[in-house]
Amino acid sequence: VEQHGVVDGIYRLSGVSSNIQRLRQEFDGDRCPDLQKDIYLQDIHCVSSLCKAYFRELPNPLLTYQLYDKFADAVAIQMEEARLVKIKEVLKELPVPHYR
């Protein structure tokens, strides 16, 4: 996405619905979509839109409900180095599939 799009704001802009649905169907059909197709390169926002939809639709968020408070506390730390250390500690508590 970042290689083929304007990075500034690329994850905030939505792709064309029909392109997002086409891409979703390719993934749902157990195929590995060719993201180098002109249709996806011309509307790179459809790729980022589908990625955001995937994470939104997970039954348990990637960073999990159980660890939400720990992540919130970690990112609230003012000192950058200490904040990064704490975030890494909390990441290690994630279930293996989420961590991967």
N, C-alpha and C. Protein backbone atom coordinates (compact mmCIF):
# COMPACT_ATOMS: atom_id res chain seq x y z
N VAL A 1 0.83 -1.19 0.00
CA VAL A 1 0.00 0.00 0.00
C VAL A 1 0.88 1.25 0.00
N GLU A 2 1.83 1.29 0.90
CA GLU A 2 2.66 2.48 1.01
C GLU A 2 3.58 2.65 -0.20
N GLN A 3 3.91 1.55 -0.86
CA GLN A 3 4.79 1.62 -2.03
C GLN A 3 4.05 2.24 -3.23
N HIS A 4 2.73 2.03 -3.31
CA HIS A 4 1.99 2.45 -4.49
C HIS A 4 1.03 3.60 -4.25
N GLY A 5 0.96 4.11 -3.04
CA GLY A 5 0.02 5.19 -2.76
C GLY A 5 0.70 6.37 -2.13
N VAL A 6 -0.06 7.43 -2.01
CA VAL A 6 0.42 8.59 -1.29
C VAL A 6 0.23 8.24 0.18
N VAL A 7 1.31 8.11 0.90
CA VAL A 7 1.25 7.59 2.27
C VAL A 7 0.43 8.48 3.18
N ASP A 8 0.54 9.80 3.03
CA ASP A 8 -0.17 10.71 3.91
C ASP A 8 -1.67 10.53 3.75
N GLY A 9 -2.30 9.97 4.74
CA GLY A 9 -3.75 9.82 4.73
C GLY A 9 -4.28 8.59 4.03
N ILE A 10 -3.39 7.72 3.56
CA ILE A 10 -3.85 6.58 2.76
C ILE A 10 -4.78 5.66 3.55
N TYR A 11 -4.59 5.57 4.85
CA TYR A 11 -5.44 4.68 5.64
C TYR A 11 -6.71 5.38 6.10
N ARG A 12 -6.83 6.67 5.85
CA ARG A 12 -8.05 7.40 6.20
C ARG A 12 -9.01 7.46 5.03
N LEU A 13 -8.51 7.35 3.82
CA LEU A 13 -9.36 7.45 2.65
C LEU A 13 -9.94 6.10 2.28
N SER A 14 -11.19 6.09 1.83
CA SER A 14 -11.84 4.84 1.46
C SER A 14 -11.65 4.56 -0.02
N GLY A 15 -11.62 3.27 -0.33
CA GLY A 15 -11.56 2.84 -1.72
C GLY A 15 -12.96 2.78 -2.31
N VAL A 16 -13.02 2.49 -3.59
CA VAL A 16 -14.30 2.34 -4.29
C VAL A 16 -14.94 1.03 -3.82
N SER A 17 -16.22 1.09 -3.42
CA SER A 17 -16.91 -0.08 -2.85
C SER A 17 -16.83 -1.31 -3.73
N SER A 18 -17.04 -1.13 -5.02
CA SER A 18 -17.02 -2.29 -5.92
C SER A 18 -15.64 -2.94 -5.95
N ASN A 19 -14.59 -2.14 -5.87
CA ASN A 19 -13.23 -2.69 -5.85
C ASN A 19 -12.95 -3.41 -4.53
N ILE A 20 -13.45 -2.84 -3.43
CA ILE A 20 -13.28 -3.48 -2.12
C ILE A 20 -13.98 -4.83 -2.12
N GLN A 21 -15.21 -4.88 -2.64
CA GLN A 21 -15.97 -6.13 -2.67
C GLN A 21 -15.29 -7.16 -3.58
N ARG A 22 -14.78 -6.71 -4.72
CA ARG A 22 -14.08 -7.62 -5.63
C ARG A 22 -12.86 -8.23 -4.93
N LEU A 23 -12.11 -7.40 -4.24
CA LEU A 23 -10.92 -7.87 -3.54
C LEU A 23 -11.32 -8.82 -2.41
N ARG A 24 -12.38 -8.49 -1.68
CA ARG A 24 -12.86 -9.37 -0.61
C ARG A 24 -13.25 -10.74 -1.16
N GLN A 25 -13.92 -10.75 -2.29
CA GLN A 25 -14.33 -12.01 -2.92
C GLN A 25 -13.12 -12.85 -3.31
N GLU A 26 -12.07 -12.19 -3.78
CA GLU A 26 -10.86 -12.93 -4.13
C GLU A 26 -10.26 -13.59 -2.89
N PHE A 27 -10.20 -12.86 -1.78
CA PHE A 27 -9.68 -13.43 -0.54
C PHE A 27 -10.60 -14.54 -0.03
N ASP A 28 -11.92 -14.29 -0.05
CA ASP A 28 -12.89 -15.28 0.45
C ASP A 28 -12.88 -16.54 -0.40
N GLY A 29 -12.50 -16.44 -1.64
CA GLY A 29 -12.46 -17.59 -2.53
C GLY A 29 -11.19 -18.41 -2.36
N ASP A 30 -10.48 -18.20 -1.27
CA ASP A 30 -9.24 -18.92 -0.98
C ASP A 30 -8.18 -18.72 -2.06
N ARG A 31 -8.28 -17.62 -2.77
CA ARG A 31 -7.25 -17.29 -3.75
C ARG A 31 -6.37 -16.21 -3.14
N CYS A 32 -5.18 -16.15 -3.62
CA CYS A 32 -4.27 -15.08 -3.20
C CYS A 32 -4.36 -14.01 -4.28
N PRO A 33 -5.05 -12.91 -3.99
CA PRO A 33 -5.24 -11.87 -5.00
C PRO A 33 -3.92 -11.29 -5.50
N ASP A 34 -3.92 -10.94 -6.76
CA ASP A 34 -2.76 -10.28 -7.35
C ASP A 34 -2.93 -8.77 -7.13
N LEU A 35 -2.28 -8.25 -6.12
CA LEU A 35 -2.41 -6.84 -5.79
C LEU A 35 -1.68 -5.94 -6.77
N GLN A 36 -1.02 -6.54 -7.75
CA GLN A 36 -0.35 -5.76 -8.79
C GLN A 36 -1.27 -5.48 -9.97
N LYS A 37 -2.51 -5.99 -9.92
CA LYS A 37 -3.46 -5.71 -11.00
C LYS A 37 -3.73 -4.22 -11.06
N ASP A 38 -3.93 -3.73 -12.28
CA ASP A 38 -4.18 -2.29 -12.46
C ASP A 38 -5.34 -1.80 -11.60
N ILE A 39 -6.39 -2.60 -11.48
CA ILE A 39 -7.57 -2.17 -10.73
C ILE A 39 -7.22 -1.84 -9.29
N TYR A 40 -6.31 -2.61 -8.69
CA TYR A 40 -5.92 -2.37 -7.30
C TYR A 40 -4.85 -1.30 -7.18
N LEU A 41 -3.98 -1.22 -8.17
CA LEU A 41 -2.96 -0.18 -8.14
C LEU A 41 -3.57 1.20 -8.38
N GLN A 42 -4.63 1.26 -9.21
CA GLN A 42 -5.28 2.54 -9.48
C GLN A 42 -6.15 2.99 -8.30
N ASP A 43 -6.62 2.02 -7.53
CA ASP A 43 -7.43 2.32 -6.34
C ASP A 43 -6.79 1.64 -5.14
N ILE A 44 -5.60 2.10 -4.78
CA ILE A 44 -4.85 1.47 -3.68
C ILE A 44 -5.62 1.59 -2.38
N HIS A 45 -6.55 2.54 -2.30
CA HIS A 45 -7.34 2.72 -1.09
C HIS A 45 -8.27 1.55 -0.84
N CYS A 46 -8.62 0.78 -1.89
CA CYS A 46 -9.48 -0.38 -1.68
C CYS A 46 -8.72 -1.44 -0.87
N VAL A 47 -7.42 -1.52 -1.05
CA VAL A 47 -6.61 -2.48 -0.29
C VAL A 47 -6.58 -2.07 1.18
N SER A 48 -6.30 -0.81 1.46
CA SER A 48 -6.26 -0.36 2.86
C SER A 48 -7.65 -0.41 3.49
N SER A 49 -8.70 -0.15 2.71
CA SER A 49 -10.06 -0.22 3.24
C SER A 49 -10.43 -1.65 3.64
N LEU A 50 -10.05 -2.61 2.80
CA LEU A 50 -10.34 -4.01 3.13
C LEU A 50 -9.53 -4.45 4.36
N CYS A 51 -8.32 -4.00 4.46
CA CYS A 51 -7.48 -4.32 5.62
C CYS A 51 -8.13 -3.78 6.90
N LYS A 52 -8.59 -2.54 6.87
CA LYS A 52 -9.24 -1.96 8.03
C LYS A 52 -10.53 -2.71 8.37
N ALA A 53 -11.30 -3.10 7.35
CA ALA A 53 -12.54 -3.85 7.58
C ALA A 53 -12.24 -5.19 8.23
N TYR A 54 -11.19 -5.85 7.79
CA TYR A 54 -10.79 -7.14 8.37
C TYR A 54 -10.55 -7.00 9.87
N PHE A 55 -9.77 -6.01 10.26
CA PHE A 55 -9.47 -5.82 11.68
C PHE A 55 -10.71 -5.41 12.47
N ARG A 56 -11.60 -4.61 11.87
CA ARG A 56 -12.84 -4.20 12.53
C ARG A 56 -13.76 -5.38 12.79
N GLU A 57 -13.76 -6.35 11.89
CA GLU A 57 -14.70 -7.47 11.96
C GLU A 57 -14.19 -8.65 12.78
N LEU A 58 -12.96 -8.58 13.28
CA LEU A 58 -12.46 -9.67 14.13
C LEU A 58 -13.34 -9.79 15.37
N PRO A 59 -13.65 -11.01 15.81
CA PRO A 59 -14.48 -11.17 17.01
C PRO A 59 -13.79 -10.63 18.27
N ASN A 60 -12.50 -10.78 18.35
CA ASN A 60 -11.71 -10.21 19.45
C ASN A 60 -10.63 -9.37 18.78
N PRO A 61 -10.50 -8.09 19.14
CA PRO A 61 -9.52 -7.24 18.48
C PRO A 61 -8.10 -7.81 18.54
N LEU A 62 -7.30 -7.38 17.62
CA LEU A 62 -5.92 -7.84 17.54
C LEU A 62 -5.19 -7.65 18.87
N LEU A 63 -5.41 -6.53 19.53
CA LEU A 63 -4.75 -6.26 20.81
C LEU A 63 -5.59 -6.73 21.99
N THR A 64 -6.65 -7.42 21.78
CA THR A 64 -7.57 -8.09 22.72
C THR A 64 -8.19 -7.17 23.78
N TYR A 65 -9.44 -7.48 24.06
CA TYR A 65 -10.17 -6.76 25.10
C TYR A 65 -9.49 -6.93 26.46
N GLN A 66 -8.96 -8.13 26.70
CA GLN A 66 -8.37 -8.45 27.99
C GLN A 66 -7.14 -7.58 28.30
N LEU A 67 -6.42 -7.17 27.27
CA LEU A 67 -5.20 -6.39 27.49
C LEU A 67 -5.39 -4.90 27.23
N TYR A 68 -6.62 -4.48 26.96
CA TYR A 68 -6.89 -3.08 26.60
C TYR A 68 -6.33 -2.11 27.66
N ASP A 69 -6.66 -2.34 28.92
CA ASP A 69 -6.21 -1.42 29.97
C ASP A 69 -4.69 -1.35 30.06
N LYS A 70 -4.04 -2.49 29.90
CA LYS A 70 -2.57 -2.50 29.95
C LYS A 70 -1.97 -1.72 28.79
N PHE A 71 -2.57 -1.87 27.59
CA PHE A 71 -2.08 -1.09 26.44
C PHE A 71 -2.32 0.39 26.66
N ALA A 72 -3.49 0.74 27.17
CA ALA A 72 -3.82 2.15 27.42
C ALA A 72 -2.83 2.75 28.42
N ASP A 73 -2.53 2.01 29.48
CA ASP A 73 -1.56 2.50 30.47
C ASP A 73 -0.18 2.66 29.84
N ALA A 74 0.19 1.71 29.00
CA ALA A 74 1.53 1.75 28.37
C ALA A 74 1.68 2.96 27.46
N VAL A 75 0.69 3.23 26.64
CA VAL A 75 0.83 4.36 25.70
C VAL A 75 0.70 5.71 26.41
N ALA A 76 0.21 5.71 27.63
CA ALA A 76 0.09 6.95 28.39
C ALA A 76 1.40 7.38 29.04
N ILE A 77 2.39 6.50 29.06
CA ILE A 77 3.68 6.82 29.67
C ILE A 77 4.35 7.93 28.85
N GLN A 78 4.80 8.96 29.53
CA GLN A 78 5.34 10.15 28.87
C GLN A 78 6.72 9.92 28.24
N MET A 79 7.59 9.24 28.94
CA MET A 79 8.95 9.02 28.45
C MET A 79 8.92 7.97 27.34
N GLU A 80 9.40 8.35 26.17
CA GLU A 80 9.31 7.46 25.01
C GLU A 80 9.97 6.11 25.24
N GLU A 81 11.16 6.10 25.79
CA GLU A 81 11.87 4.83 25.99
C GLU A 81 11.11 3.91 26.94
N ALA A 82 10.62 4.46 28.04
CA ALA A 82 9.85 3.67 29.01
C ALA A 82 8.54 3.19 28.39
N ARG A 83 7.92 4.05 27.59
CA ARG A 83 6.67 3.69 26.92
C ARG A 83 6.88 2.50 25.99
N LEU A 84 7.95 2.53 25.20
CA LEU A 84 8.23 1.43 24.28
C LEU A 84 8.52 0.13 25.02
N VAL A 85 9.25 0.22 26.12
CA VAL A 85 9.54 -0.97 26.93
C VAL A 85 8.24 -1.58 27.43
N LYS A 86 7.34 -0.74 27.95
CA LYS A 86 6.08 -1.23 28.51
C LYS A 86 5.19 -1.82 27.41
N ILE A 87 5.14 -1.19 26.25
CA ILE A 87 4.35 -1.72 25.14
C ILE A 87 4.87 -3.09 24.73
N LYS A 88 6.18 -3.24 24.66
CA LYS A 88 6.76 -4.54 24.31
C LYS A 88 6.41 -5.60 25.35
N GLU A 89 6.39 -5.23 26.62
CA GLU A 89 6.02 -6.17 27.68
C GLU A 89 4.58 -6.65 27.50
N VAL A 90 3.69 -5.70 27.21
CA VAL A 90 2.28 -6.06 27.03
C VAL A 90 2.10 -6.90 25.76
N LEU A 91 2.83 -6.58 24.71
CA LEU A 91 2.74 -7.37 23.47
C LEU A 91 3.09 -8.84 23.73
N LYS A 92 4.03 -9.08 24.62
CA LYS A 92 4.43 -10.45 24.93
C LYS A 92 3.32 -11.23 25.65
N GLU A 93 2.32 -10.52 26.17
CA GLU A 93 1.20 -11.18 26.84
C GLU A 93 0.09 -11.59 25.88
N LEU A 94 0.19 -11.15 24.63
CA LEU A 94 -0.84 -11.49 23.65
C LEU A 94 -0.88 -12.99 23.40
N PRO A 95 -2.07 -13.52 23.09
CA PRO A 95 -2.14 -14.92 22.66
C PRO A 95 -1.27 -15.09 21.41
N VAL A 96 -0.72 -16.28 21.22
CA VAL A 96 0.22 -16.52 20.12
C VAL A 96 -0.34 -16.09 18.75
N PRO A 97 -1.59 -16.44 18.39
CA PRO A 97 -2.07 -16.02 17.06
C PRO A 97 -2.13 -14.50 16.91
N HIS A 98 -2.45 -13.80 17.99
CA HIS A 98 -2.51 -12.34 17.93
C HIS A 98 -1.11 -11.76 17.83
N TYR A 99 -0.19 -12.33 18.57
CA TYR A 99 1.20 -11.85 18.55
C TYR A 99 1.81 -12.02 17.16
N ARG A 100 1.56 -13.19 16.54
CA ARG A 100 2.10 -13.43 15.19
C ARG A 100 1.55 -12.42 14.23
